[in-house]
Protein backbone atom coordinates (compact mmCIF):
# COMPACT_ATOMS: atom_id res chain seq x y z
CA MET A 1 57.14 -12.15 16.79
CA GLU A 2 55.25 -12.02 13.53
CA THR A 3 57.39 -9.95 11.16
CA LEU A 4 61.03 -9.35 10.30
CA ILE A 5 60.74 -5.96 11.93
CA ASP A 6 59.62 -7.67 15.14
CA LEU A 7 62.70 -9.87 14.81
CA VAL A 8 64.99 -6.83 14.63
CA SER A 9 63.33 -5.20 17.65
CA GLU A 10 63.30 -8.41 19.67
CA GLY A 11 66.94 -9.11 18.75
CA ALA A 12 67.94 -5.69 20.05
CA ARG A 13 66.01 -6.25 23.25
CA ARG A 14 67.37 -9.73 23.89
CA PHE A 15 70.90 -9.53 22.56
CA ASP A 16 71.69 -5.77 22.79
CA ASP A 17 75.49 -5.50 22.42
CA ARG A 18 76.17 -8.97 21.02
CA PRO A 19 77.46 -9.10 17.43
CA ALA A 20 74.76 -9.59 14.80
CA LEU A 21 76.80 -9.02 11.61
CA LEU A 22 80.51 -8.68 11.01
CA ILE A 23 82.98 -8.41 8.18
CA ARG A 24 86.75 -8.41 8.01
CA PRO A 25 87.53 -6.50 4.80
CA SER A 26 91.20 -5.97 5.73
CA PHE A 27 92.94 -5.46 9.03
CA ARG A 28 89.92 -4.23 10.94
CA THR A 29 86.73 -6.06 11.76
CA ARG A 30 83.51 -4.09 11.35
CA VAL A 31 80.79 -5.27 13.73
CA TRP A 32 77.10 -4.40 13.73
CA ARG A 33 75.52 -5.26 17.04
CA TYR A 34 71.85 -6.08 17.45
CA ARG A 35 71.18 -2.65 18.94
CA ASP A 36 72.96 -1.08 15.93
CA LEU A 37 70.61 -2.91 13.56
CA ALA A 38 67.59 -1.73 15.54
CA ALA A 39 68.84 1.85 15.14
CA VAL A 40 69.98 1.81 11.50
CA VAL A 41 67.20 -0.25 9.88
CA PRO A 42 64.37 2.27 10.57
CA ARG A 43 66.62 5.14 9.42
CA ALA A 44 67.44 3.35 6.18
CA ALA A 45 63.75 2.51 5.74
CA ARG A 46 62.94 6.21 6.08
CA VAL A 47 65.44 7.01 3.30
CA LEU A 48 63.75 4.44 1.07
CA ALA A 49 60.27 5.76 1.89
CA ASP A 50 61.42 9.33 1.21
CA ALA A 51 62.74 8.12 -2.16
CA GLY A 52 59.25 6.85 -2.99
CA LEU A 53 59.18 3.21 -1.87
CA LYS A 54 55.68 2.37 -0.69
CA PRO A 55 54.18 -0.75 0.94
CA GLY A 56 53.52 -3.33 -1.75
CA ASP A 57 56.19 -1.98 -4.10
CA ARG A 58 58.81 -4.33 -5.43
CA ALA A 59 62.47 -3.60 -4.80
CA ILE A 60 65.71 -5.23 -5.84
CA ILE A 61 68.89 -5.19 -3.82
CA TRP A 62 71.89 -5.44 -6.11
CA ALA A 63 74.95 -5.63 -3.91
CA VAL A 64 77.85 -7.81 -2.93
CA ASN A 65 77.51 -10.21 -0.04
CA ARG A 66 78.24 -7.90 2.89
CA PRO A 67 76.44 -6.90 6.09
CA GLU A 68 75.12 -3.83 4.30
CA TRP A 69 73.05 -6.18 2.12
CA VAL A 70 71.27 -7.47 5.22
CA ILE A 71 70.67 -3.91 6.41
CA ALA A 72 69.25 -2.98 2.99
CA PHE A 73 67.00 -6.07 3.00
CA LEU A 74 65.65 -5.38 6.48
CA ALA A 75 65.16 -1.69 5.67
CA THR A 76 63.21 -2.60 2.54
CA ALA A 77 60.99 -4.93 4.56
CA HIS A 78 60.55 -2.20 7.16
CA ALA A 79 59.61 0.44 4.59
């Protein structure tokens, strides 16, 4: 493993359906499993790239402390 993207891929391979991120905003718990991250991060990265984010660009993630922040961070690194 050399990059964060390798970490996402390796996490999905090794830990598959184990919880990676979770939040309990009210009565329900929302869980993102390692395989979910491996699926959603490249899709979110594609959205960022389609919006014009290129390698070497700087990006800011302005969001509350939630699992979506982690997804946005990993997607930005992936893009």
